[in-house]
Protein backbone atom coordinates (compact mmCIF):
# COMPACT_ATOMS: atom_id res chain seq x y z
CA MET A 1 40.39 -1.64 0.37
CA SER A 2 40.24 -4.48 3.00
CA THR A 3 41.63 -7.20 0.70
CA ASN A 4 39.28 -9.76 0.50
CA SER A 5 40.60 -11.44 -2.53
CA PHE A 6 43.45 -13.75 -3.37
CA GLY A 7 44.98 -15.36 -6.89
CA ARG A 8 46.22 -13.92 -10.13
CA LEU A 9 44.38 -15.81 -12.90
CA PHE A 10 42.12 -18.23 -10.80
CA THR A 11 41.01 -15.57 -7.94
CA VAL A 12 38.53 -15.60 -5.07
CA THR A 13 36.68 -13.36 -3.49
CA THR A 14 35.07 -14.46 0.03
CA TRP A 15 32.10 -12.42 1.71
CA GLY A 16 29.77 -12.61 4.67
CA GLU A 17 30.03 -12.77 8.44
CA SER A 18 30.05 -15.74 11.02
CA HIS A 19 26.34 -14.50 12.00
CA GLY A 20 25.05 -12.78 9.18
CA PRO A 21 22.27 -14.33 6.72
CA ALA A 22 24.67 -15.85 4.11
CA LEU A 23 28.57 -16.29 3.32
CA GLY A 24 30.13 -17.23 0.15
CA ALA A 25 32.62 -16.84 -2.37
CA VAL A 26 33.36 -15.45 -6.36
CA VAL A 27 35.01 -17.42 -8.02
CA ASP A 28 36.85 -15.90 -11.30
CA GLY A 29 39.32 -17.35 -14.12
CA CYS A 30 37.99 -21.12 -13.80
CA PRO A 31 38.63 -22.52 -17.31
CA PRO A 32 35.27 -23.25 -18.80
CA GLY A 33 33.89 -26.66 -19.80
CA VAL A 34 34.53 -27.96 -16.31
CA PRO A 35 32.04 -30.35 -15.43
CA LEU A 36 30.68 -28.94 -11.98
CA GLU A 37 27.45 -29.28 -10.10
CA ALA A 38 26.67 -28.18 -6.03
CA ALA A 39 27.31 -32.13 -5.21
CA MET A 40 30.87 -31.92 -6.35
CA LEU A 41 31.49 -29.12 -3.80
CA GLN A 42 29.43 -30.23 -0.86
CA HIS A 43 31.81 -33.56 -0.48
CA TRP A 44 34.37 -30.99 0.90
CA LEU A 45 32.15 -28.88 2.86
CA ASP A 46 30.64 -31.90 4.42
CA ARG A 47 34.20 -32.55 5.58
CA ARG A 48 34.93 -29.00 7.36
CA LYS A 49 30.89 -28.59 8.69
CA PRO A 50 30.75 -28.18 12.69
CA GLY A 51 28.86 -30.24 14.95
CA GLN A 52 30.37 -33.77 13.51
CA SER A 53 31.97 -34.77 16.79
CA LYS A 54 32.40 -33.78 20.27
CA PHE A 55 35.54 -32.24 19.88
CA THR A 56 34.28 -29.13 17.67
CA THR A 57 31.96 -26.92 18.01
CA GLN A 58 28.29 -28.10 18.64
CA ARG A 59 26.71 -25.35 15.92
CA GLN A 60 24.67 -27.27 13.84
CA GLU A 61 25.25 -25.75 10.43
CA PRO A 62 24.30 -27.88 6.97
CA ASP A 63 26.78 -25.66 5.13
CA GLN A 64 24.77 -26.42 1.74
CA VAL A 65 26.45 -24.68 -1.05
CA GLU A 66 24.68 -23.39 -3.60
CA ILE A 67 25.89 -22.47 -7.37
CA LEU A 68 24.46 -18.87 -8.35
CA SER A 69 25.91 -18.06 -11.62
CA GLY A 70 29.04 -19.46 -13.66
CA VAL A 71 27.72 -22.84 -14.44
CA PHE A 72 25.48 -23.97 -17.54
CA GLU A 73 24.05 -27.14 -18.30
CA GLY A 74 26.41 -28.87 -15.55
CA LEU A 75 29.89 -27.13 -17.43
CA THR A 76 31.63 -23.92 -16.23
CA THR A 77 31.09 -21.11 -18.58
CA GLY A 78 34.51 -18.86 -17.65
CA MET A 79 32.31 -16.84 -16.03
CA PRO A 80 32.22 -16.22 -12.76
CA ILE A 81 30.83 -18.29 -10.27
CA GLN A 82 29.14 -17.46 -7.55
CA LEU A 83 28.74 -19.67 -4.60
CA MET A 84 27.04 -19.15 -1.57
CA ILE A 85 26.42 -20.53 1.79
CA ARG A 86 23.55 -19.70 4.30
CA ASN A 87 23.87 -19.46 7.93
CA THR A 88 20.75 -21.21 10.11
CA ASP A 89 22.24 -21.84 13.43
CA GLN A 90 23.43 -18.32 14.38
CA ARG A 91 22.82 -17.72 18.48
CA SER A 92 24.04 -14.31 18.47
CA LYS A 93 22.66 -13.59 22.25
CA ASP A 94 25.83 -15.80 23.12
CA TYR A 95 27.94 -12.69 22.14
CA SER A 96 25.68 -10.14 24.01
CA GLU A 97 27.98 -10.21 26.88
CA ILE A 98 31.27 -9.31 24.98
CA ALA A 99 29.90 -6.69 22.88
CA GLU A 100 32.21 -3.52 25.20
CA LYS A 101 35.13 -6.30 25.92
CA PHE A 102 37.94 -7.77 24.22
CA ARG A 103 38.81 -11.09 24.03
CA PRO A 104 42.44 -11.47 24.72
CA GLY A 105 44.15 -13.86 21.73
CA HIS A 106 41.17 -13.02 19.50
CA ALA A 107 41.55 -10.00 16.74
CA ASP A 108 38.42 -8.48 18.74
CA ILE A 109 40.62 -5.19 19.48
CA THR A 110 42.63 -4.98 16.28
CA TYR A 111 39.48 -4.83 14.17
CA TRP A 112 38.13 -2.48 16.39
CA GLN A 113 41.66 -0.44 16.06
CA LYS A 114 41.91 -0.66 12.65
CA TYR A 115 38.08 0.28 11.61
CA GLY A 116 36.14 1.57 14.48
CA ILE A 117 33.42 -1.06 14.29
CA ARG A 118 33.17 -4.93 14.94
CA ASP A 119 30.62 -7.03 14.43
CA TYR A 120 31.07 -9.19 18.00
CA ARG A 121 28.61 -11.69 17.38
CA GLY A 122 30.64 -14.85 16.54
CA GLY A 123 33.79 -12.52 15.55
CA GLY A 124 32.32 -11.33 12.37
CA ARG A 125 34.62 -11.46 9.76
CA SER A 126 37.21 -12.78 11.79
CA SER A 127 35.66 -16.10 12.53
CA ALA A 128 37.06 -19.52 10.96
CA ARG A 129 33.19 -19.92 9.78
CA GLU A 130 34.80 -17.62 6.71
CA THR A 131 36.88 -20.55 5.53
CA ALA A 132 33.75 -22.80 4.55
CA ALA A 133 33.58 -20.40 1.61
CA ARG A 134 37.29 -20.97 0.78
CA VAL A 135 36.41 -24.81 1.05
CA ALA A 136 33.39 -24.31 -1.52
CA ALA A 137 36.04 -22.45 -4.06
CA GLY A 138 38.64 -25.18 -3.28
CA GLY A 139 36.10 -27.72 -4.82
CA VAL A 140 36.01 -25.43 -7.92
CA ALA A 141 39.60 -25.36 -8.13
CA ARG A 142 39.86 -29.22 -7.24
CA GLU A 143 37.37 -29.86 -10.20
CA ALA A 144 39.46 -27.82 -12.71
CA LEU A 145 42.56 -29.80 -11.60
CA LYS A 146 41.14 -32.99 -12.13
CA ALA A 147 40.54 -31.95 -15.75
CA LEU A 148 43.85 -30.17 -16.37
CA VAL A 149 46.48 -32.64 -14.32
CA PRO A 150 44.44 -36.15 -13.61
CA GLY A 151 47.44 -37.63 -11.63
CA LEU A 152 47.29 -34.63 -8.88
CA LYS A 153 46.31 -35.32 -5.63
CA ILE A 154 45.67 -33.38 -2.20
CA THR A 155 45.63 -34.75 1.23
CA GLY A 156 45.57 -32.91 4.53
CA TYR A 157 46.09 -34.67 7.90
CA MET A 158 46.60 -33.40 11.55
CA VAL A 159 50.15 -34.60 13.06
CA GLN A 160 50.16 -32.75 16.25
CA MET A 161 48.04 -31.76 18.76
CA GLY A 162 49.10 -29.62 21.97
CA PRO A 163 52.76 -31.30 22.65
CA HIS A 164 51.15 -34.53 21.72
CA LYS A 165 52.54 -35.28 17.86
CA ALA A 166 51.86 -38.29 15.58
CA GLU A 167 54.36 -40.97 14.65
CA ARG A 168 55.33 -41.07 10.97
CA SER A 169 56.24 -44.79 11.24
CA ARG A 170 52.58 -45.41 12.60
CA PHE A 171 50.94 -43.67 9.24
CA ASP A 172 48.26 -45.44 7.66
CA MET A 173 46.57 -42.77 4.87
CA ASP A 174 43.22 -45.15 4.97
CA GLU A 175 43.47 -44.23 8.52
CA ILE A 176 42.42 -40.52 7.94
CA THR A 177 39.07 -40.43 7.74
CA ARG A 178 38.37 -43.29 10.46
CA ASN A 179 39.05 -40.89 13.35
CA PRO A 180 37.63 -37.46 14.12
CA PHE A 181 40.99 -35.63 13.90
CA TRP A 182 42.04 -36.42 10.56
CA THR A 183 45.25 -38.26 11.32
CA PRO A 184 46.76 -41.35 9.92
CA ASP A 185 48.35 -42.39 13.11
CA ALA A 186 45.58 -44.15 14.98
CA GLU A 187 47.57 -44.93 18.32
CA ILE A 188 47.98 -40.85 18.35
CA ALA A 189 43.85 -40.18 17.58
CA ALA A 190 43.36 -42.20 20.90
CA THR A 191 45.90 -40.08 23.03
CA TRP A 192 44.09 -36.75 21.40
CA GLU A 193 40.79 -38.25 22.07
CA GLU A 194 41.41 -38.04 25.90
CA TYR A 195 43.55 -35.22 26.31
CA LEU A 196 41.11 -33.13 23.96
CA SER A 197 38.06 -34.38 26.28
CA GLN A 198 39.82 -33.26 29.45
CA LEU A 199 40.42 -29.60 28.47
CA ARG A 200 36.86 -29.53 26.85
CA LYS A 201 35.61 -30.29 29.90
CA SER A 202 37.62 -27.31 31.70
CA GLY A 203 36.26 -24.79 29.24
CA ASN A 204 40.01 -24.85 27.83
CA SER A 205 41.33 -25.03 24.29
CA VAL A 206 44.67 -26.17 22.56
CA GLY A 207 46.67 -25.58 19.12
CA ALA A 208 47.41 -27.82 16.33
CA VAL A 209 49.79 -28.62 13.48
CA VAL A 210 48.54 -29.46 9.88
CA GLU A 211 50.57 -30.98 6.85
CA VAL A 212 48.96 -30.58 3.59
CA VAL A 213 51.03 -32.91 0.74
CA ALA A 214 50.36 -32.44 -3.17
CA SER A 215 51.29 -35.51 -5.36
CA GLY A 216 51.79 -35.66 -9.01
CA VAL A 217 52.11 -31.80 -9.25
CA PRO A 218 54.34 -31.22 -12.93
CA ALA A 219 57.55 -29.80 -12.26
CA GLY A 220 57.99 -25.93 -13.42
CA LEU A 221 55.41 -24.51 -11.61
CA GLY A 222 56.14 -21.04 -9.95
CA ALA A 223 58.64 -18.30 -10.98
CA PRO A 224 61.63 -16.85 -9.37
CA VAL A 225 61.84 -14.08 -6.44
CA TYR A 226 58.11 -12.36 -6.25
CA GLY A 227 56.03 -15.40 -7.99
CA LYS A 228 57.38 -18.32 -6.22
CA LEU A 229 55.18 -21.31 -5.73
CA ASP A 230 56.09 -21.54 -1.90
CA THR A 231 55.57 -17.80 -1.30
CA ASP A 232 51.90 -18.32 -2.40
CA ILE A 233 51.49 -21.27 -0.69
CA ALA A 234 52.63 -19.93 2.59
CA THR A 235 50.81 -16.72 1.75
CA ALA A 236 47.52 -18.85 1.48
CA MET A 237 48.07 -21.05 4.46
CA MET A 238 49.05 -18.32 6.49
CA SER A 239 45.65 -16.39 5.80
CA ILE A 240 43.49 -19.30 7.28
CA ASN A 241 42.21 -17.77 10.73
CA ALA A 242 44.37 -18.98 13.65
CA VAL A 243 47.23 -19.88 11.52
CA LYS A 244 50.24 -18.30 13.28
CA GLY A 245 53.13 -20.24 11.60
CA VAL A 246 53.89 -22.26 8.00
CA GLU A 247 56.81 -24.38 6.69
CA ILE A 248 57.47 -26.02 3.47
CA GLY A 249 59.60 -29.49 3.53
CA ALA A 250 61.97 -29.07 6.47
CA GLY A 251 61.10 -26.21 6.72
CA PHE A 252 62.75 -24.83 10.38
CA GLY A 253 64.30 -28.21 10.65
CA ALA A 254 66.74 -27.24 7.89
CA ALA A 255 68.34 -25.32 10.23
CA GLU A 256 69.73 -28.00 12.13
CA LEU A 257 70.99 -29.75 8.82
CA THR A 258 73.85 -29.40 7.34
CA GLY A 259 74.30 -29.05 3.64
CA GLU A 260 75.34 -32.49 3.01
CA ALA A 261 72.01 -33.73 4.80
CA ASN A 262 70.06 -31.12 3.38
CA ALA A 263 70.53 -31.61 0.02
CA ASP A 264 68.33 -33.69 -2.08
CA GLU A 265 70.69 -35.90 -4.04
CA ILE A 266 69.54 -35.97 -7.91
CA PHE A 267 69.46 -39.55 -9.82
CA MET A 268 68.29 -40.18 -13.08
CA GLY A 269 65.42 -42.70 -13.29
CA PRO A 270 63.52 -44.14 -16.01
CA ASP A 271 61.25 -41.40 -16.36
CA GLY A 272 63.24 -38.35 -15.68
CA PRO A 273 65.04 -36.74 -12.53
CA GLU A 274 64.72 -38.45 -9.02
CA PHE A 275 65.15 -37.56 -5.61
CA SER A 276 67.01 -39.30 -2.55
CA SER A 277 64.75 -37.13 0.03
CA ASN A 278 62.46 -34.09 -0.04
CA HIS A 279 64.29 -31.70 2.43
CA ALA A 280 62.85 -28.94 -0.22
CA GLY A 281 59.41 -30.11 0.28
CA GLY A 282 58.82 -30.49 -3.53
CA ILE A 283 60.35 -26.60 -4.42
CA LEU A 284 63.40 -25.09 -5.64
CA GLY A 285 64.13 -21.57 -6.33
CA GLY A 286 60.24 -21.14 -6.07
CA ILE A 287 59.76 -23.43 -8.75
CA SER A 288 57.89 -27.00 -8.14
CA THR A 289 60.69 -30.21 -8.86
CA GLY A 290 57.78 -32.65 -9.46
CA GLN A 291 58.28 -34.05 -6.34
CA GLU A 292 55.55 -33.96 -3.23
CA ILE A 293 54.83 -30.29 -2.26
CA VAL A 294 54.73 -30.83 1.64
CA CYS A 295 53.58 -27.90 4.00
CA ARG A 296 53.01 -27.57 7.31
CA PHE A 297 50.85 -25.00 9.32
CA ALA A 298 50.80 -24.31 12.91
CA VAL A 299 47.15 -23.12 14.42
CA LYS A 300 46.74 -21.85 17.89
CA PRO A 301 44.13 -22.28 20.53
CA THR A 302 41.00 -21.04 19.98
CA SER A 303 40.79 -17.91 21.97
CA SER A 304 37.26 -18.21 22.83
CA ILE A 305 37.13 -20.31 26.24
CA LEU A 306 35.28 -20.41 29.31
CA LYS A 307 38.59 -20.00 31.43
CA PRO A 308 37.98 -16.54 32.97
CA ARG A 309 41.04 -13.98 31.36
CA ARG A 310 42.00 -10.86 32.11
CA THR A 311 41.14 -7.88 29.39
CA ILE A 312 40.14 -4.48 29.10
CA THR A 313 36.44 -2.40 27.71
CA LYS A 314 36.02 -0.01 24.82
CA ALA A 315 36.47 2.55 27.32
CA GLY A 316 39.71 1.21 28.56
CA GLU A 317 38.64 -0.12 31.89
CA GLU A 318 40.06 -3.12 33.46
CA THR A 319 37.61 -6.46 33.69
CA GLU A 320 37.85 -9.83 32.90
CA ILE A 321 36.04 -11.99 30.39
CA VAL A 322 34.55 -15.25 29.98
CA THR A 323 33.48 -16.33 26.37
CA LYS A 324 30.25 -18.33 26.42
CA GLY A 325 28.52 -19.95 23.26
CA ARG A 326 29.53 -22.99 20.95
CA HIS A 327 33.58 -22.88 20.10
CA ASP A 328 36.15 -25.46 18.85
CA PRO A 329 38.43 -26.97 21.51
CA CYS A 330 40.68 -27.36 19.08
CA VAL A 331 40.12 -25.45 15.42
CA GLY A 332 42.79 -27.14 14.13
CA ILE A 333 40.88 -30.09 13.25
CA ARG A 334 38.46 -28.09 10.86
CA ALA A 335 41.70 -26.69 9.35
CA VAL A 336 42.35 -29.63 7.31
CA PRO A 337 39.81 -29.51 4.74
CA VAL A 338 40.45 -25.54 4.65
CA GLY A 339 44.47 -26.12 4.25
CA GLU A 340 43.69 -28.35 1.49
CA ALA A 341 41.49 -25.99 -0.33
CA MET A 342 43.88 -23.20 -0.14
CA MET A 343 46.34 -25.47 -1.67
CA ALA A 344 43.97 -26.63 -4.38
CA CYS A 345 43.47 -22.83 -5.56
CA VAL A 346 47.21 -21.93 -5.33
CA LEU A 347 48.19 -25.18 -7.37
CA LEU A 348 45.13 -24.26 -10.19
CA ASP A 349 46.35 -20.22 -10.13
CA HIS A 350 50.36 -21.20 -10.65
CA ILE A 351 49.16 -23.96 -13.65
CA LEU A 352 47.32 -21.32 -15.32
CA LEU A 353 49.92 -19.23 -14.74
CA HIS A 354 52.43 -21.42 -16.44
CA ARG A 355 50.39 -22.35 -19.37
CA GLY A 356 50.17 -18.47 -20.33
CA GLN A 357 53.69 -18.02 -20.01
CA VAL A 358 55.91 -21.01 -20.74
CA GLY A 359 53.20 -23.64 -22.10
CA GLU A 360 54.92 -26.44 -22.04
CA ASN A 361 58.27 -27.35 -19.85
CA GLN A 362 61.39 -25.82 -22.00
CA GLY A 363 63.98 -27.65 -20.33
CA ARG A 364 64.65 -30.96 -21.49
CA ILE A 365 66.55 -33.50 -19.28
CA GLY A 366 67.70 -36.87 -20.76
């Protein structure tokens, strides 16, 4: 079992490799009667697709999604939805020189150790190209969320590249779509552009931090202990290729706070409970509070670089490796829509779980 599926009621199974003929997802558990057509999903895929700026891989993939099942006359039927994205711009010859070598910092070596076979063409299944299928599935989840919770909104953006952090006092959410880095800080975008240009020209890469915020999330989603909402969000984000760390709310910063400072004080507002702050990231005891859900994840530097690095071959011989081909100098840029998609899938799954067990929230306040 290779575990290519996630979710409980709303489930997603992705398939395909970076240089295969196609990749895609099977989405099951989507409620029937949700308006859905390929154009609705294409909007999100267009945000993720490669080659849109000099700061991402120059592989030219249209990422055109096809819906093969589960939709009739523009509405979901409740049956499995098969999504397919054809690969059209593979250059497998770029990887012929590393067929016998392992890229340092890459899953090449662990795939070989586990399975005794690996698709070295672009990394096969371990490639970030797999995330295109997640974005398509996330588009399905967004349309279902739109029908079930009309006010729910999911927004992702970059907050750090290498050592350079965005300044929250300068955040303008309208700025996110105006720069190639999906950041709400226009000033840091200019810094990142200069910094990444130098790294890219030198054949190097760098990591990043992405933040995903979900607003309009109803209170009560999630469950104690093993069904926690933050557990599933963390699992979903951690499953994204190249992600090495996840935090909710204050995250690791909470370790620096006192109990007095960390406690989000509660007040009664005109529409229900209100909080003085949101160190909890919108989740307490694994259950949503009704505040914004705030998640951040750290993306490591792309391991396919033009800088020579020491490694070994499959035969155990020591050698040196330089990875040719087309790669993202900062894979965190295109991870933004992927993080949004994973948040959408997890929230829809928990909304369906909540409706199945509880229905309407039982505890009334005021």
